[in-house]
Amino acid sequence: MLPVHPATLDADRLLDECDQRFTRRSGPGGQHRNKVETAVILTHRPTGLLAEANEERSQGKNREQALFRLRLLLALEVRRDPAESPSILWRTRCRGGKLSVNPTHHDYPALLAEALDTINAHRDDAKAAAEFLGCSTTQLINLLRDEPRALASINARRVGQGLHAYRA
């Protein structure tokens, strides 16, 4: 397992691990969209994961969105052993057992990765993982609900172990 989760890397370091391609995409945006290669496709070399963004007319904005999508994919797909205690990021976002993060915030993929790593280390027991992370089980499950693929992954493993699935 990896010592540092790739979803926590800063933008420049993560881009260094990626191949970038630029292309055109059809859709709204007028002639500019069809003449200029504003769509961004990132391929993370170590994992082979691919993320794309083409909604904006700006290549820079599409790169930011593709990076966010790549971070989410990395959070979902890459597991590592959790640290001895919750990260500084987790502790700053979790006060009094309440986790404060919006699923569109740039910290969300890193927090999701830490949550999934911790749940994995606790054999899909959200209560034990929440105790380790210093938040309530409800707060942890709500974090997973913000990314349905995360909750579906945990539930699939739980059902495979004969445990009940968490409500979506």
C-alpha atoms as a PDB file:
ATOM      1  CA  MET A   1       0.000   0.000   0.000  1.00  0.00           C
ATOM      2  CA  LEU A   2       1.085   3.567  -0.656  1.00  0.00           C
ATOM      3  CA  PRO A   3       2.569   5.724   2.147  1.00  0.00           C
ATOM      4  CA  VAL A   4       0.880   8.913   0.868  1.00  0.00           C
ATOM      5  CA  HIS A   5      -2.503   8.734  -0.735  1.00  0.00           C
ATOM      6  CA  PRO A   6      -2.370  10.264  -4.242  1.00  0.00           C
ATOM      7  CA  ALA A   7      -5.715  12.046  -3.639  1.00  0.00           C
ATOM      8  CA  THR A   8      -3.891  14.228  -1.092  1.00  0.00           C
ATOM      9  CA  LEU A   9      -1.167  15.440  -3.472  1.00  0.00           C
ATOM     10  CA  ASP A  10      -1.081  19.108  -4.466  1.00  0.00           C
ATOM     11  CA  ALA A  11      -2.088  19.943  -8.034  1.00  0.00           C
ATOM     12  CA  ASP A  12       1.445  20.305  -9.432  1.00  0.00           C
ATOM     13  CA  ARG A  13       2.676  17.047  -7.933  1.00  0.00           C
ATOM     14  CA  LEU A  14      -0.402  15.145  -9.102  1.00  0.00           C
ATOM     15  CA  LEU A  15      -0.073  16.606 -12.607  1.00  0.00           C
ATOM     16  CA  ASP A  16       3.576  15.427 -12.650  1.00  0.00           C
ATOM     17  CA  GLU A  17       2.218  11.881 -12.277  1.00  0.00           C
ATOM     18  CA  CYS A  18      -0.227  12.332 -15.165  1.00  0.00           C
ATOM     19  CA  ASP A  19      -0.210  12.333 -18.922  1.00  0.00           C
ATOM     20  CA  GLN A  20      -2.294  15.239 -20.221  1.00  0.00           C
ATOM     21  CA  ARG A  21      -4.143  15.315 -23.513  1.00  0.00           C
ATOM     22  CA  PHE A  22      -6.162  18.154 -24.953  1.00  0.00           C
ATOM     23  CA  THR A  23      -8.919  17.684 -27.482  1.00  0.00           C
ATOM     24  CA  ARG A  24     -12.084  19.219 -28.874  1.00  0.00           C
ATOM     25  CA  ARG A  25     -15.549  18.230 -27.775  1.00  0.00           C
ATOM     26  CA  SER A  26     -18.910  19.066 -29.281  1.00  0.00           C
ATOM     27  CA  GLY A  27     -21.695  20.788 -27.413  1.00  0.00           C
ATOM     28  CA  PRO A  28     -22.717  24.288 -26.377  1.00  0.00           C
ATOM     29  CA  GLY A  29     -20.101  27.010 -26.461  1.00  0.00           C
ATOM     30  CA  GLY A  30     -20.162  28.200 -30.027  1.00  0.00           C
ATOM     31  CA  GLN A  31     -17.339  28.240 -32.498  1.00  0.00           C
ATOM     32  CA  HIS A  32     -14.671  28.707 -29.828  1.00  0.00           C
ATOM     33  CA  ARG A  33     -15.472  25.317 -28.307  1.00  0.00           C
ATOM     34  CA  ASN A  34     -15.300  23.544 -31.651  1.00  0.00           C
ATOM     35  CA  LYS A  35     -12.078  25.224 -32.859  1.00  0.00           C
ATOM     36  CA  VAL A  36      -9.922  25.141 -29.733  1.00  0.00           C
ATOM     37  CA  GLU A  37      -8.765  22.075 -27.820  1.00  0.00           C
ATOM     38  CA  THR A  38     -10.209  22.953 -24.424  1.00  0.00           C
ATOM     39  CA  ALA A  39     -11.178  19.451 -23.250  1.00  0.00           C
ATOM     40  CA  VAL A  40      -8.624  17.989 -20.824  1.00  0.00           C
ATOM     41  CA  ILE A  41      -7.979  14.285 -20.352  1.00  0.00           C
ATOM     42  CA  LEU A  42      -5.685  13.215 -17.501  1.00  0.00           C
ATOM     43  CA  THR A  43      -4.266   9.711 -17.179  1.00  0.00           C
ATOM     44  CA  HIS A  44      -2.644   8.920 -13.831  1.00  0.00           C
ATOM     45  CA  ARG A  45       0.391   6.845 -14.838  1.00  0.00           C
ATOM     46  CA  PRO A  46       0.844   4.868 -11.569  1.00  0.00           C
ATOM     47  CA  THR A  47      -2.779   3.645 -11.517  1.00  0.00           C
ATOM     48  CA  GLY A  48      -3.995   4.037 -15.097  1.00  0.00           C
ATOM     49  CA  LEU A  49      -7.058   5.965 -13.895  1.00  0.00           C
ATOM     50  CA  LEU A  50      -8.456   8.465 -16.374  1.00  0.00           C
ATOM     51  CA  ALA A  51     -10.416  11.679 -15.741  1.00  0.00           C
ATOM     52  CA  GLU A  52     -11.821  14.122 -18.260  1.00  0.00           C
ATOM     53  CA  ALA A  53     -13.472  17.539 -18.218  1.00  0.00           C
ATOM     54  CA  ASN A  54     -14.866  19.456 -21.156  1.00  0.00           C
ATOM     55  CA  GLU A  55     -17.747  21.524 -19.795  1.00  0.00           C
ATOM     56  CA  GLU A  56     -15.958  24.885 -19.856  1.00  0.00           C
ATOM     57  CA  ARG A  57     -14.527  26.918 -22.708  1.00  0.00           C
ATOM     58  CA  SER A  58     -11.373  27.440 -20.641  1.00  0.00           C
ATOM     59  CA  GLN A  59      -8.673  24.791 -20.761  1.00  0.00           C
ATOM     60  CA  GLY A  60      -7.488  25.885 -17.286  1.00  0.00           C
ATOM     61  CA  LYS A  61     -10.931  25.433 -15.723  1.00  0.00           C
ATOM     62  CA  ASN A  62     -11.300  22.063 -17.425  1.00  0.00           C
ATOM     63  CA  ARG A  63      -7.890  21.015 -16.055  1.00  0.00           C
ATOM     64  CA  GLU A  64      -9.008  21.945 -12.522  1.00  0.00           C
ATOM     65  CA  GLN A  65     -12.230  19.965 -12.935  1.00  0.00           C
ATOM     66  CA  ALA A  66     -10.382  16.961 -14.399  1.00  0.00           C
ATOM     67  CA  LEU A  67      -7.950  17.076 -11.448  1.00  0.00           C
ATOM     68  CA  PHE A  68     -10.855  17.077  -8.986  1.00  0.00           C
ATOM     69  CA  ARG A  69     -12.448  14.118 -10.783  1.00  0.00           C
ATOM     70  CA  LEU A  70      -9.119  12.294 -10.784  1.00  0.00           C
ATOM     71  CA  ARG A  71      -8.734  12.902  -7.039  1.00  0.00           C
ATOM     72  CA  LEU A  72     -12.213  11.426  -6.499  1.00  0.00           C
ATOM     73  CA  LEU A  73     -11.331   8.362  -8.573  1.00  0.00           C
ATOM     74  CA  LEU A  74      -8.087   7.943  -6.657  1.00  0.00           C
ATOM     75  CA  ALA A  75      -9.979   8.233  -3.363  1.00  0.00           C
ATOM     76  CA  LEU A  76     -12.376   5.527  -4.507  1.00  0.00           C
ATOM     77  CA  GLU A  77      -9.878   3.130  -6.061  1.00  0.00           C
ATOM     78  CA  VAL A  78      -6.589   3.410  -4.136  1.00  0.00           C
ATOM     79  CA  ARG A  79      -6.323   1.964  -0.629  1.00  0.00           C
ATOM     80  CA  ARG A  80      -3.459   2.481   1.779  1.00  0.00           C
ATOM     81  CA  ASP A  81      -2.930   1.747   5.451  1.00  0.00           C
ATOM     82  CA  PRO A  82      -4.264   4.594   7.581  1.00  0.00           C
ATOM     83  CA  ALA A  83      -1.901   6.571   9.790  1.00  0.00           C
ATOM     84  CA  GLU A  84      -1.623   6.021  13.541  1.00  0.00           C
ATOM     85  CA  SER A  85      -4.108   8.849  14.065  1.00  0.00           C
ATOM     86  CA  PRO A  86      -6.368  11.022  11.918  1.00  0.00           C
ATOM     87  CA  SER A  87      -4.577  13.499   9.657  1.00  0.00           C
ATOM     88  CA  ILE A  88      -4.267  17.186  10.451  1.00  0.00           C
ATOM     89  CA  LEU A  89      -6.709  17.858   7.617  1.00  0.00           C
ATOM     90  CA  TRP A  90      -9.254  15.483   9.156  1.00  0.00           C
ATOM     91  CA  ARG A  91      -8.820  17.002  12.620  1.00  0.00           C
ATOM     92  CA  THR A  92      -9.304  20.543  11.291  1.00  0.00           C
ATOM     93  CA  ARG A  93     -12.494  19.491   9.485  1.00  0.00           C
ATOM     94  CA  CYS A  94     -13.890  17.457  12.394  1.00  0.00           C
ATOM     95  CA  ARG A  95     -14.716  19.473  15.477  1.00  0.00           C
ATOM     96  CA  GLY A  96     -16.797  18.134  18.337  1.00  0.00           C
ATOM     97  CA  GLY A  97     -17.601  14.969  16.376  1.00  0.00           C
ATOM     98  CA  LYS A  98     -19.096  16.963  13.499  1.00  0.00           C
ATOM     99  CA  LEU A  99     -17.442  16.710  10.103  1.00  0.00           C
ATOM    100  CA  SER A 100     -17.583  19.895   8.035  1.00  0.00           C
ATOM    101  CA  VAL A 101     -16.901  19.486   4.329  1.00  0.00           C
ATOM    102  CA  ASN A 102     -18.789  20.153   1.127  1.00  0.00           C
ATOM    103  CA  PRO A 103     -18.488  17.462  -1.596  1.00  0.00           C
ATOM    104  CA  THR A 104     -17.439  20.149  -4.098  1.00  0.00           C
ATOM    105  CA  HIS A 105     -14.603  21.480  -1.920  1.00  0.00           C
ATOM    106  CA  HIS A 106     -11.053  20.650  -3.018  1.00  0.00           C
ATOM    107  CA  ASP A 107     -10.410  18.852   0.343  1.00  0.00           C
ATOM    108  CA  TYR A 108     -13.288  16.418  -0.147  1.00  0.00           C
ATOM    109  CA  PRO A 109     -11.368  13.721  -2.112  1.00  0.00           C
ATOM    110  CA  ALA A 110      -8.558  13.639   0.489  1.00  0.00           C
ATOM    111  CA  LEU A 111     -11.065  13.322   3.347  1.00  0.00           C
ATOM    112  CA  LEU A 112     -12.994  10.656   1.451  1.00  0.00           C
ATOM    113  CA  ALA A 113      -9.775   8.703   0.828  1.00  0.00           C
ATOM    114  CA  GLU A 114      -8.891   8.853   4.535  1.00  0.00           C
ATOM    115  CA  ALA A 115     -12.394   7.725   5.493  1.00  0.00           C
ATOM    116  CA  LEU A 116     -12.337   4.818   3.031  1.00  0.00           C
ATOM    117  CA  ASP A 117      -8.835   3.754   4.117  1.00  0.00           C
ATOM    118  CA  THR A 118      -9.933   3.795   7.762  1.00  0.00           C
ATOM    119  CA  ILE A 119     -13.167   1.896   7.083  1.00  0.00           C
ATOM    120  CA  ASN A 120     -11.180  -0.652   5.076  1.00  0.00           C
ATOM    121  CA  ALA A 121      -8.694  -1.061   7.950  1.00  0.00           C
ATOM    122  CA  HIS A 122     -11.628  -1.617  10.339  1.00  0.00           C
ATOM    123  CA  ARG A 123     -13.105  -4.334   8.087  1.00  0.00           C
ATOM    124  CA  ASP A 124     -15.987  -2.181   6.834  1.00  0.00           C
ATOM    125  CA  ASP A 125     -17.163  -1.350  10.361  1.00  0.00           C
ATOM    126  CA  ALA A 126     -18.173   2.313  10.128  1.00  0.00           C
ATOM    127  CA  LYS A 127     -18.732   2.590  13.888  1.00  0.00           C
ATOM    128  CA  ALA A 128     -15.167   1.519  14.700  1.00  0.00           C
ATOM    129  CA  ALA A 129     -13.788   3.717  11.906  1.00  0.00           C
ATOM    130  CA  ALA A 130     -15.789   6.712  13.155  1.00  0.00           C
ATOM    131  CA  GLU A 131     -14.467   6.215  16.701  1.00  0.00           C
ATOM    132  CA  PHE A 132     -10.907   6.160  15.351  1.00  0.00           C
ATOM    133  CA  LEU A 133     -11.547   9.305  13.275  1.00  0.00           C
ATOM    134  CA  GLY A 134     -13.253  11.153  16.132  1.00  0.00           C
ATOM    135  CA  CYS A 135     -16.629  11.672  14.472  1.00  0.00           C
ATOM    136  CA  SER A 136     -20.033  10.087  14.758  1.00  0.00           C
ATOM    137  CA  THR A 137     -20.993   7.100  12.644  1.00  0.00           C
ATOM    138  CA  THR A 138     -23.739   9.231  11.095  1.00  0.00           C
ATOM    139  CA  GLN A 139     -21.224  11.897  10.069  1.00  0.00           C
ATOM    140  CA  LEU A 140     -18.982   9.265   8.473  1.00  0.00           C
ATOM    141  CA  ILE A 141     -21.860   7.621   6.576  1.00  0.00           C
ATOM    142  CA  ASN A 142     -23.056  11.058   5.429  1.00  0.00           C
ATOM    143  CA  LEU A 143     -19.573  11.726   4.006  1.00  0.00           C
ATOM    144  CA  LEU A 144     -19.903   8.481   2.021  1.00  0.00           C
ATOM    145  CA  ARG A 145     -23.425   9.370   0.879  1.00  0.00           C
ATOM    146  CA  ASP A 146     -22.035  12.513  -0.741  1.00  0.00           C
ATOM    147  CA  GLU A 147     -20.194  10.200  -3.163  1.00  0.00           C
ATOM    148  CA  PRO A 148     -22.626   7.354  -4.013  1.00  0.00           C
ATOM    149  CA  ARG A 149     -19.866   5.194  -5.515  1.00  0.00           C
ATOM    150  CA  ALA A 150     -18.097   5.160  -2.129  1.00  0.00           C
ATOM    151  CA  LEU A 151     -21.196   4.044  -0.252  1.00  0.00           C
ATOM    152  CA  ALA A 152     -21.994   1.447  -2.926  1.00  0.00           C
ATOM    153  CA  SER A 153     -18.466   0.017  -2.641  1.00  0.00           C
ATOM    154  CA  ILE A 154     -18.653  -0.286   1.159  1.00  0.00           C
ATOM    155  CA  ASN A 155     -22.152  -1.767   0.982  1.00  0.00           C
ATOM    156  CA  ALA A 156     -21.120  -4.338  -1.624  1.00  0.00           C
ATOM    157  CA  ARG A 157     -18.274  -5.527   0.610  1.00  0.00           C
ATOM    158  CA  ARG A 158     -20.525  -5.549   3.699  1.00  0.00           C
ATOM    159  CA  VAL A 159     -23.224  -7.585   1.954  1.00  0.00           C
ATOM    160  CA  GLY A 160     -20.511  -9.984   0.734  1.00  0.00           C
ATOM    161  CA  GLN A 161     -19.527 -10.498   4.384  1.00  0.00           C
ATOM    162  CA  GLY A 162     -23.120 -11.143   5.418  1.00  0.00           C
ATOM    163  CA  LEU A 163     -23.516  -7.719   7.076  1.00  0.00           C
ATOM    164  CA  HIS A 164     -26.321  -5.223   6.498  1.00  0.00           C
ATOM    165  CA  ALA A 165     -25.837  -2.420   4.009  1.00  0.00           C
ATOM    166  CA  TYR A 166     -25.818   1.189   5.154  1.00  0.00           C
ATOM    167  CA  ARG A 167     -28.811   3.204   3.943  1.00  0.00           C
ATOM    168  CA  ALA A 168     -28.221   5.370   0.920  1.00  0.00           C
END
